[in-house]
Amino acid sequence: MFGGLTGRYDMSVARKRVDRKVQRFPVRLSLHELNSRPAPDSFLVDISSLGAQVEIPQFSALNAPLEFVVRFPWSEKETRLTGLVKWIKPLIGKPGRFRLGLRFHNSFWELDMLARQGKL
């Protein structure tokens, strides 16, 4: 908070920058399934080897398990990824739509290899 007359700013209140452990890649890929159900109007919007962001038309609880199926442009087969919901944000101007941050149960190291090969 601002420190009244002194004009000092308390840095403990300021948001701290998160140091990323792995590189993130922005994407916009349709999800084929979400928790074993068809996933119309659902998208993978960001991915790293440790987690992902998805945009979906339904709410999910924090720490809830979430599984999605996506087909990457470089692959002929679908990829199934699972994780826990770590944060949820409603999308401004898009009622009933949410962006969820996931932490994968198992690291998706293949993604880093594909990035080194220039496929991302």
Protein backbone atom coordinates (compact mmCIF):
# COMPACT_ATOMS: atom_id res chain seq x y z
CA MET A 1 0.00 0.00 0.00
CA PHE A 2 1.01 3.58 -0.31
CA GLY A 3 2.56 4.94 2.85
CA GLY A 4 0.36 7.96 3.54
CA LEU A 5 2.28 11.25 3.70
CA THR A 6 5.71 9.73 3.21
CA GLY A 7 4.89 8.59 -0.33
CA ARG A 8 6.64 5.27 0.23
CA TYR A 9 5.40 2.17 -1.46
CA ASP A 10 5.31 -1.10 0.44
CA MET A 11 6.88 -3.64 -1.95
CA SER A 12 5.51 -6.57 0.05
CA VAL A 13 2.08 -5.75 -1.37
CA ALA A 14 3.29 -5.53 -4.97
CA ARG A 15 2.96 -8.60 -7.14
CA LYS A 16 6.19 -10.44 -7.52
CA ARG A 17 7.33 -11.61 -10.91
CA VAL A 18 7.20 -15.37 -11.28
CA ASP A 19 10.46 -16.88 -12.47
CA ARG A 20 9.58 -19.51 -15.03
CA LYS A 21 11.39 -22.82 -14.89
CA VAL A 22 10.56 -23.74 -18.48
CA GLN A 23 9.67 -21.93 -21.69
CA ARG A 24 5.99 -21.34 -22.47
CA PHE A 25 4.55 -21.41 -25.97
CA PRO A 26 1.41 -19.54 -27.04
CA VAL A 27 -0.90 -21.67 -29.20
CA ARG A 28 -4.58 -21.77 -30.15
CA LEU A 29 -5.54 -25.38 -30.71
CA SER A 30 -9.01 -26.91 -30.39
CA LEU A 31 -9.47 -29.46 -27.63
CA HIS A 32 -11.03 -32.73 -28.79
CA GLU A 33 -12.00 -33.91 -25.31
CA LEU A 34 -12.22 -32.44 -21.83
CA ASN A 35 -12.52 -34.93 -18.96
CA SER A 36 -13.54 -37.71 -21.40
CA ARG A 37 -16.33 -35.63 -22.98
CA PRO A 38 -16.48 -33.78 -26.29
CA ALA A 39 -15.02 -30.28 -25.92
CA PRO A 40 -16.74 -27.90 -28.34
CA ASP A 41 -15.53 -24.32 -28.17
CA SER A 42 -12.58 -25.25 -25.89
CA PHE A 43 -8.97 -24.34 -26.65
CA LEU A 44 -5.41 -24.88 -25.55
CA VAL A 45 -3.96 -21.34 -25.50
CA ASP A 46 -0.55 -21.75 -23.84
CA ILE A 47 1.63 -24.75 -23.04
CA SER A 48 4.95 -25.65 -21.43
CA SER A 49 6.45 -28.95 -20.41
CA LEU A 50 5.07 -28.41 -16.87
CA GLY A 51 1.58 -27.06 -17.54
CA ALA A 52 -0.91 -25.35 -19.80
CA GLN A 53 -3.63 -22.75 -20.07
CA VAL A 54 -6.99 -23.73 -21.50
CA GLU A 55 -10.00 -21.63 -22.42
CA ILE A 56 -13.27 -23.43 -21.78
CA PRO A 57 -17.01 -22.66 -21.51
CA GLN A 58 -17.38 -24.17 -18.04
CA PHE A 59 -16.16 -23.48 -14.53
CA SER A 60 -13.83 -25.89 -12.73
CA ALA A 61 -12.80 -25.92 -9.08
CA LEU A 62 -9.28 -25.20 -7.87
CA ASN A 63 -7.13 -28.33 -7.54
CA ALA A 64 -9.67 -30.32 -9.55
CA PRO A 65 -8.18 -32.89 -11.91
CA LEU A 66 -8.54 -32.02 -15.58
CA GLU A 67 -7.71 -34.13 -18.62
CA PHE A 68 -7.73 -32.90 -22.19
CA VAL A 69 -7.04 -34.33 -25.61
CA VAL A 70 -5.46 -32.20 -28.32
CA ARG A 71 -3.86 -32.87 -31.69
CA PHE A 72 -0.68 -30.89 -32.30
CA PRO A 73 0.08 -29.80 -35.88
CA TRP A 74 3.29 -31.84 -35.97
CA SER A 75 1.64 -35.07 -34.85
CA GLU A 76 -0.68 -37.52 -36.58
CA LYS A 77 -2.04 -38.78 -33.27
CA GLU A 78 -3.92 -37.13 -30.44
CA THR A 79 -2.13 -36.28 -27.18
CA ARG A 80 -3.82 -36.78 -23.80
CA LEU A 81 -2.54 -34.57 -20.95
CA THR A 82 -3.68 -34.48 -17.33
CA GLY A 83 -3.12 -32.10 -14.47
CA LEU A 84 -4.61 -30.06 -11.65
CA VAL A 85 -6.36 -26.71 -11.99
CA LYS A 86 -4.11 -24.17 -10.21
CA TRP A 87 -5.94 -20.94 -11.10
CA ILE A 88 -9.15 -19.78 -12.79
CA LYS A 89 -10.00 -16.45 -14.44
CA PRO A 90 -13.34 -15.49 -15.99
CA LEU A 91 -12.80 -13.95 -19.42
CA ILE A 92 -13.81 -10.29 -19.48
CA GLY A 93 -16.41 -9.60 -22.17
CA LYS A 94 -17.06 -13.32 -22.68
CA PRO A 95 -19.71 -14.39 -20.16
CA GLY A 96 -19.58 -18.06 -19.24
CA ARG A 97 -15.99 -18.52 -20.48
CA PHE A 98 -12.98 -19.22 -18.29
CA ARG A 99 -9.22 -19.50 -18.62
CA LEU A 100 -7.70 -22.18 -16.40
CA GLY A 101 -4.07 -22.72 -15.50
CA LEU A 102 -3.03 -26.36 -15.18
CA ARG A 103 -0.02 -28.06 -13.66
CA PHE A 104 0.60 -31.40 -15.36
CA HIS A 105 0.83 -34.59 -13.30
CA ASN A 106 3.71 -35.75 -15.52
CA SER A 107 6.08 -33.40 -17.33
CA PHE A 108 5.63 -33.15 -21.10
CA TRP A 109 9.36 -33.07 -21.95
CA GLU A 110 8.66 -33.97 -25.59
CA LEU A 111 7.55 -30.34 -26.00
CA ASP A 112 11.04 -29.02 -25.19
CA MET A 113 12.57 -31.43 -27.70
CA LEU A 114 10.15 -30.22 -30.39
CA ALA A 115 11.02 -26.60 -29.59
CA ARG A 116 14.74 -27.35 -30.03
CA GLN A 117 13.90 -28.87 -33.43
CA GLY A 118 12.11 -25.66 -34.43
CA LYS A 119 8.65 -27.23 -34.64
CA LEU A 120 7.08 -24.67 -32.27
